[in-house]
Amino acid sequence: MGYLPALELPLCNFRAEHSDSPHISVHDDVYFDERVGEFESADWLYEKTFVVKDRDYLNWRYVHHPRVRYHLVEAKKDGCGLAGYLVLKLFEKQSIKYGHIVDLNCRPSSFALFAPMVYRAISWFCIQGVSVASCWMLKGTPFYEVLLQIGFQPTGFLTNMGYRVIDPDFPVERLHVDRWHTVMGDSDAF
């Protein structure tokens, strides 16, 4: 059991820089093809407990969701196809419009595109009238440090994280929340 803090970025006076990369685009229709299977995992990820996401899982989770329309920020790089992605969701609560980054991934070899992808998402959020951008990201990942540099802060809501261990051989030391890599899309609430 642990807490997941939401990282938030108020967008009222935010000016997204570096969002005009020709390699990055926003799509209203989310679809994941075979290029997702090409992602190599970063070394740091193997030290974490995480949800394994292949093409079938991502399409089941985001394309075929019966009630939510997700949006996709996609980074392509010459010679490697899909370099990274962000899955976005718009949400309104108490007259505040939120832009959630519910899922993300980036090839280690293309990690320099992660910040421009986030800036492109922020620009798109601003066009949609979003007041606050948010995501879940625990410390201990390179994504966390980039999000802080962009201006996200752990000032948002706290979410209780609970789990049930089914595998009796699962290493107990990996159960602590600091050993997890999780995003909003790993929860059925988003």
C-alpha atoms as a PDB file:
ATOM      1  CA  MET A   1       0.000   0.000   0.000  1.00  0.00           C
ATOM      2  CA  GLY A   2       1.215   3.509  -0.738  1.00  0.00           C
ATOM      3  CA  TYR A   3       0.289   6.900  -2.141  1.00  0.00           C
ATOM      4  CA  LEU A   4       0.619   8.133  -5.699  1.00  0.00           C
ATOM      5  CA  PRO A   5       0.942  11.915  -5.899  1.00  0.00           C
ATOM      6  CA  ALA A   6      -0.381  13.639  -8.997  1.00  0.00           C
ATOM      7  CA  LEU A   7       2.099  15.971 -10.647  1.00  0.00           C
ATOM      8  CA  GLU A   8       0.283  19.106 -11.778  1.00  0.00           C
ATOM      9  CA  LEU A   9       1.068  22.074 -13.962  1.00  0.00           C
ATOM     10  CA  PRO A  10      -1.287  25.101 -14.006  1.00  0.00           C
ATOM     11  CA  LEU A  11      -1.571  26.307 -17.592  1.00  0.00           C
ATOM     12  CA  CYS A  12      -2.986  29.813 -17.080  1.00  0.00           C
ATOM     13  CA  ASN A  13       0.305  31.565 -17.944  1.00  0.00           C
ATOM     14  CA  PHE A  14       2.299  28.652 -19.304  1.00  0.00           C
ATOM     15  CA  ARG A  15       4.024  29.048 -22.645  1.00  0.00           C
ATOM     16  CA  ALA A  16       4.919  25.687 -24.134  1.00  0.00           C
ATOM     17  CA  GLU A  17       8.283  25.864 -25.825  1.00  0.00           C
ATOM     18  CA  HIS A  18       9.850  23.284 -28.125  1.00  0.00           C
ATOM     19  CA  SER A  19       6.450  21.986 -29.244  1.00  0.00           C
ATOM     20  CA  ASP A  20       6.945  22.395 -32.989  1.00  0.00           C
ATOM     21  CA  SER A  21       9.000  19.289 -33.737  1.00  0.00           C
ATOM     22  CA  PRO A  22       8.140  17.784 -37.130  1.00  0.00           C
ATOM     23  CA  HIS A  23       8.531  14.351 -35.513  1.00  0.00           C
ATOM     24  CA  ILE A  24       5.609  14.856 -33.087  1.00  0.00           C
ATOM     25  CA  SER A  25       1.890  14.928 -33.832  1.00  0.00           C
ATOM     26  CA  VAL A  26      -1.413  14.795 -31.945  1.00  0.00           C
ATOM     27  CA  HIS A  27      -4.164  12.438 -33.070  1.00  0.00           C
ATOM     28  CA  ASP A  28      -7.795  12.410 -32.003  1.00  0.00           C
ATOM     29  CA  ASP A  29      -8.030   8.715 -32.760  1.00  0.00           C
ATOM     30  CA  VAL A  30      -5.856   6.425 -30.680  1.00  0.00           C
ATOM     31  CA  TYR A  31      -4.590   3.251 -32.299  1.00  0.00           C
ATOM     32  CA  PHE A  32      -1.502   1.219 -31.523  1.00  0.00           C
ATOM     33  CA  ASP A  33       0.027  -0.898 -34.274  1.00  0.00           C
ATOM     34  CA  GLU A  34       2.947  -3.328 -34.398  1.00  0.00           C
ATOM     35  CA  ARG A  35       5.451  -0.491 -33.803  1.00  0.00           C
ATOM     36  CA  VAL A  36       4.631  -0.651 -30.069  1.00  0.00           C
ATOM     37  CA  GLY A  37       6.271  -4.065 -29.939  1.00  0.00           C
ATOM     38  CA  GLU A  38       9.515  -2.496 -31.125  1.00  0.00           C
ATOM     39  CA  PHE A  39      10.040  -0.615 -27.870  1.00  0.00           C
ATOM     40  CA  GLU A  40      13.152  -1.702 -26.042  1.00  0.00           C
ATOM     41  CA  SER A  41      12.900  -1.319 -22.283  1.00  0.00           C
ATOM     42  CA  ALA A  42      15.203   0.991 -20.373  1.00  0.00           C
ATOM     43  CA  ASP A  43      17.527  -0.563 -17.796  1.00  0.00           C
ATOM     44  CA  TRP A  44      15.895   1.356 -14.925  1.00  0.00           C
ATOM     45  CA  LEU A  45      12.513  -0.212 -15.731  1.00  0.00           C
ATOM     46  CA  TYR A  46      13.698  -3.721 -14.855  1.00  0.00           C
ATOM     47  CA  GLU A  47      14.253  -2.511 -11.291  1.00  0.00           C
ATOM     48  CA  LYS A  48      10.563  -1.573 -11.064  1.00  0.00           C
ATOM     49  CA  THR A  49       7.241  -3.361 -10.837  1.00  0.00           C
ATOM     50  CA  PHE A  50       5.123  -2.284 -13.811  1.00  0.00           C
ATOM     51  CA  VAL A  51       2.296  -3.239 -16.142  1.00  0.00           C
ATOM     52  CA  VAL A  52       3.593  -4.873 -19.312  1.00  0.00           C
ATOM     53  CA  LYS A  53       1.964  -3.129 -22.284  1.00  0.00           C
ATOM     54  CA  ASP A  54       1.885  -4.638 -25.715  1.00  0.00           C
ATOM     55  CA  ARG A  55      -0.229  -3.638 -28.711  1.00  0.00           C
ATOM     56  CA  ASP A  56      -3.222  -5.762 -27.676  1.00  0.00           C
ATOM     57  CA  TYR A  57      -3.251  -4.382 -24.139  1.00  0.00           C
ATOM     58  CA  LEU A  58      -2.932  -0.738 -25.252  1.00  0.00           C
ATOM     59  CA  ASN A  59      -5.719  -1.061 -27.822  1.00  0.00           C
ATOM     60  CA  TRP A  60      -7.943  -2.856 -25.296  1.00  0.00           C
ATOM     61  CA  ARG A  61      -7.274  -0.178 -22.686  1.00  0.00           C
ATOM     62  CA  TYR A  62      -7.480   3.004 -24.785  1.00  0.00           C
ATOM     63  CA  VAL A  63      -9.030   2.291 -28.186  1.00  0.00           C
ATOM     64  CA  HIS A  64     -11.869   0.026 -27.114  1.00  0.00           C
ATOM     65  CA  HIS A  65     -12.838   1.850 -23.909  1.00  0.00           C
ATOM     66  CA  PRO A  66     -16.633   2.164 -24.038  1.00  0.00           C
ATOM     67  CA  ARG A  67     -16.988   5.553 -22.311  1.00  0.00           C
ATOM     68  CA  VAL A  68     -13.789   7.571 -22.734  1.00  0.00           C
ATOM     69  CA  ARG A  69     -12.242   9.120 -25.807  1.00  0.00           C
ATOM     70  CA  TYR A  70      -8.482   9.276 -25.530  1.00  0.00           C
ATOM     71  CA  HIS A  71      -6.061  11.270 -27.669  1.00  0.00           C
ATOM     72  CA  LEU A  72      -2.545  10.350 -28.740  1.00  0.00           C
ATOM     73  CA  VAL A  73       0.696  12.292 -28.979  1.00  0.00           C
ATOM     74  CA  GLU A  74       3.009  10.291 -31.210  1.00  0.00           C
ATOM     75  CA  ALA A  75       6.711  10.804 -31.849  1.00  0.00           C
ATOM     76  CA  LYS A  76       8.246   9.279 -34.959  1.00  0.00           C
ATOM     77  CA  LYS A  77      11.914   9.225 -35.716  1.00  0.00           C
ATOM     78  CA  ASP A  78      13.542   8.340 -39.009  1.00  0.00           C
ATOM     79  CA  GLY A  79      14.768   4.782 -39.013  1.00  0.00           C
ATOM     80  CA  CYS A  80      13.052   3.659 -35.797  1.00  0.00           C
ATOM     81  CA  GLY A  81       9.343   4.186 -36.467  1.00  0.00           C
ATOM     82  CA  LEU A  82       7.489   4.972 -33.273  1.00  0.00           C
ATOM     83  CA  ALA A  83       9.861   6.729 -30.885  1.00  0.00           C
ATOM     84  CA  GLY A  84       7.381   7.507 -28.111  1.00  0.00           C
ATOM     85  CA  TYR A  85       3.781   8.206 -27.208  1.00  0.00           C
ATOM     86  CA  LEU A  86       1.569   9.941 -24.669  1.00  0.00           C
ATOM     87  CA  VAL A  87      -2.090   9.047 -24.142  1.00  0.00           C
ATOM     88  CA  LEU A  88      -4.195  12.078 -23.171  1.00  0.00           C
ATOM     89  CA  LYS A  89      -7.604  12.466 -21.548  1.00  0.00           C
ATOM     90  CA  LEU A  90      -9.724  15.553 -20.944  1.00  0.00           C
ATOM     91  CA  PHE A  91     -11.641  15.697 -17.661  1.00  0.00           C
ATOM     92  CA  GLU A  92     -13.712  18.353 -15.919  1.00  0.00           C
ATOM     93  CA  LYS A  93     -14.258  18.537 -12.161  1.00  0.00           C
ATOM     94  CA  GLN A  94     -15.864  21.425 -10.263  1.00  0.00           C
ATOM     95  CA  SER A  95     -15.596  23.743 -13.303  1.00  0.00           C
ATOM     96  CA  ILE A  96     -11.872  23.036 -13.696  1.00  0.00           C
ATOM     97  CA  LYS A  97     -10.805  21.389 -16.936  1.00  0.00           C
ATOM     98  CA  TYR A  98      -7.927  18.948 -16.527  1.00  0.00           C
ATOM     99  CA  GLY A  99      -5.674  17.447 -19.152  1.00  0.00           C
ATOM    100  CA  HIS A 100      -4.405  14.103 -17.928  1.00  0.00           C
ATOM    101  CA  ILE A 101      -1.370  12.381 -19.374  1.00  0.00           C
ATOM    102  CA  VAL A 102      -2.655   8.906 -18.601  1.00  0.00           C
ATOM    103  CA  ASP A 103       0.088   6.848 -20.238  1.00  0.00           C
ATOM    104  CA  LEU A 104       3.497   7.379 -21.765  1.00  0.00           C
ATOM    105  CA  ASN A 105       6.475   5.604 -23.170  1.00  0.00           C
ATOM    106  CA  CYS A 106       9.603   6.591 -25.006  1.00  0.00           C
ATOM    107  CA  ARG A 107      12.428   4.548 -26.454  1.00  0.00           C
ATOM    108  CA  PRO A 108      15.627   5.016 -24.446  1.00  0.00           C
ATOM    109  CA  SER A 109      17.433   5.839 -27.712  1.00  0.00           C
ATOM    110  CA  SER A 110      14.868   8.589 -28.426  1.00  0.00           C
ATOM    111  CA  PHE A 111      14.485   9.960 -24.912  1.00  0.00           C
ATOM    112  CA  ALA A 112      15.377  13.464 -26.121  1.00  0.00           C
ATOM    113  CA  LEU A 113      11.896  13.530 -27.709  1.00  0.00           C
ATOM    114  CA  PHE A 114      10.103  13.028 -24.380  1.00  0.00           C
ATOM    115  CA  ALA A 115      10.126  16.719 -23.344  1.00  0.00           C
ATOM    116  CA  PRO A 116       8.977  17.897 -26.803  1.00  0.00           C
ATOM    117  CA  MET A 117       6.138  15.350 -26.637  1.00  0.00           C
ATOM    118  CA  VAL A 118       5.042  16.769 -23.279  1.00  0.00           C
ATOM    119  CA  TYR A 119       5.261  20.325 -24.635  1.00  0.00           C
ATOM    120  CA  ARG A 120       3.125  19.304 -27.617  1.00  0.00           C
ATOM    121  CA  ALA A 121       0.567  17.778 -25.215  1.00  0.00           C
ATOM    122  CA  ILE A 122       0.531  21.004 -23.175  1.00  0.00           C
ATOM    123  CA  SER A 123       0.006  23.082 -26.325  1.00  0.00           C
ATOM    124  CA  TRP A 124      -2.896  20.831 -27.309  1.00  0.00           C
ATOM    125  CA  PHE A 125      -4.331  21.067 -23.775  1.00  0.00           C
ATOM    126  CA  CYS A 126      -4.209  24.879 -24.006  1.00  0.00           C
ATOM    127  CA  ILE A 127      -6.134  24.797 -27.303  1.00  0.00           C
ATOM    128  CA  GLN A 128      -8.746  22.607 -25.575  1.00  0.00           C
ATOM    129  CA  GLY A 129      -9.163  25.150 -22.743  1.00  0.00           C
ATOM    130  CA  VAL A 130      -7.460  23.023 -20.105  1.00  0.00           C
ATOM    131  CA  SER A 131      -6.578  24.802 -16.846  1.00  0.00           C
ATOM    132  CA  VAL A 132      -4.356  22.143 -15.257  1.00  0.00           C
ATOM    133  CA  ALA A 133      -2.187  19.410 -16.810  1.00  0.00           C
ATOM    134  CA  SER A 134      -1.622  16.382 -14.603  1.00  0.00           C
ATOM    135  CA  CYS A 135      -0.119  12.911 -14.531  1.00  0.00           C
ATOM    136  CA  TRP A 136       1.177  10.280 -12.153  1.00  0.00           C
ATOM    137  CA  MET A 137       4.897   9.768 -12.051  1.00  0.00           C
ATOM    138  CA  LEU A 138       6.844   8.427  -9.132  1.00  0.00           C
ATOM    139  CA  LYS A 139      10.396   9.462  -8.351  1.00  0.00           C
ATOM    140  CA  GLY A 140      13.135   7.241  -9.646  1.00  0.00           C
ATOM    141  CA  THR A 141      12.362   7.455 -13.345  1.00  0.00           C
ATOM    142  CA  PRO A 142      13.919   9.741 -15.956  1.00  0.00           C
ATOM    143  CA  PHE A 143      10.373  10.871 -16.852  1.00  0.00           C
ATOM    144  CA  TYR A 144       9.933  12.354 -13.363  1.00  0.00           C
ATOM    145  CA  GLU A 145      12.983  14.603 -13.668  1.00  0.00           C
ATOM    146  CA  VAL A 146      11.934  15.908 -17.109  1.00  0.00           C
ATOM    147  CA  LEU A 147       8.408  16.644 -15.875  1.00  0.00           C
ATOM    148  CA  LEU A 148       9.849  18.664 -12.961  1.00  0.00           C
ATOM    149  CA  GLN A 149      12.095  20.611 -15.361  1.00  0.00           C
ATOM    150  CA  ILE A 150       9.053  21.466 -17.473  1.00  0.00           C
ATOM    151  CA  GLY A 151       7.290  22.807 -14.379  1.00  0.00           C
ATOM    152  CA  PHE A 152       5.119  19.967 -13.065  1.00  0.00           C
ATOM    153  CA  GLN A 153       5.023  19.774  -9.274  1.00  0.00           C
ATOM    154  CA  PRO A 154       3.719  17.095  -6.881  1.00  0.00           C
ATOM    155  CA  THR A 155       0.975  19.421  -5.645  1.00  0.00           C
ATOM    156  CA  GLY A 156      -2.043  17.503  -6.897  1.00  0.00           C
ATOM    157  CA  PHE A 157      -4.301  14.946  -5.313  1.00  0.00           C
ATOM    158  CA  LEU A 158      -3.013  11.808  -3.596  1.00  0.00           C
ATOM    159  CA  THR A 159      -4.294   8.428  -4.722  1.00  0.00           C
ATOM    160  CA  ASN A 160      -4.169   5.361  -2.526  1.00  0.00           C
ATOM    161  CA  MET A 161      -2.361   2.553  -4.252  1.00  0.00           C
ATOM    162  CA  GLY A 162      -3.332  -0.929  -3.227  1.00  0.00           C
ATOM    163  CA  TYR A 163      -2.518  -4.306  -4.714  1.00  0.00           C
ATOM    164  CA  ARG A 164      -3.118  -7.967  -4.153  1.00  0.00           C
ATOM    165  CA  VAL A 165      -0.239 -10.358  -4.680  1.00  0.00           C
ATOM    166  CA  ILE A 166      -1.318 -13.482  -6.539  1.00  0.00           C
ATOM    167  CA  ASP A 167       2.107 -15.001  -7.193  1.00  0.00           C
ATOM    168  CA  PRO A 168       3.501 -16.412  -3.907  1.00  0.00           C
ATOM    169  CA  ASP A 169       7.030 -16.116  -5.332  1.00  0.00           C
ATOM    170  CA  PHE A 170       6.740 -12.389  -6.079  1.00  0.00           C
ATOM    171  CA  PRO A 171       9.707 -10.643  -4.383  1.00  0.00           C
ATOM    172  CA  VAL A 172       8.489  -8.829  -1.267  1.00  0.00           C
ATOM    173  CA  GLU A 173      11.080  -6.051  -1.697  1.00  0.00           C
ATOM    174  CA  ARG A 174       9.347  -5.001  -4.950  1.00  0.00           C
ATOM    175  CA  LEU A 175       6.030  -4.316  -3.223  1.00  0.00           C
ATOM    176  CA  HIS A 176       6.956  -0.917  -1.795  1.00  0.00           C
ATOM    177  CA  VAL A 177       5.486   1.950  -3.834  1.00  0.00           C
ATOM    178  CA  ASP A 178       8.961   3.398  -4.481  1.00  0.00           C
ATOM    179  CA  ARG A 179       9.736   0.289  -6.518  1.00  0.00           C
ATOM    180  CA  TRP A 180       6.787   0.785  -8.897  1.00  0.00           C
ATOM    181  CA  HIS A 181       6.463   2.514 -12.245  1.00  0.00           C
ATOM    182  CA  THR A 182       2.792   3.330 -12.683  1.00  0.00           C
ATOM    183  CA  VAL A 183       0.742   5.809 -14.678  1.00  0.00           C
ATOM    184  CA  MET A 184      -2.888   6.947 -14.494  1.00  0.00           C
ATOM    185  CA  GLY A 185      -3.885   4.489 -17.196  1.00  0.00           C
ATOM    186  CA  ASP A 186      -2.862   1.598 -14.943  1.00  0.00           C
ATOM    187  CA  SER A 187      -5.892   2.494 -12.810  1.00  0.00           C
ATOM    188  CA  ASP A 188      -9.453   1.809 -13.918  1.00  0.00           C
ATOM    189  CA  ALA A 189     -10.414   5.294 -12.652  1.00  0.00           C
ATOM    190  CA  PHE A 190      -8.754   6.985 -15.639  1.00  0.00           C
END
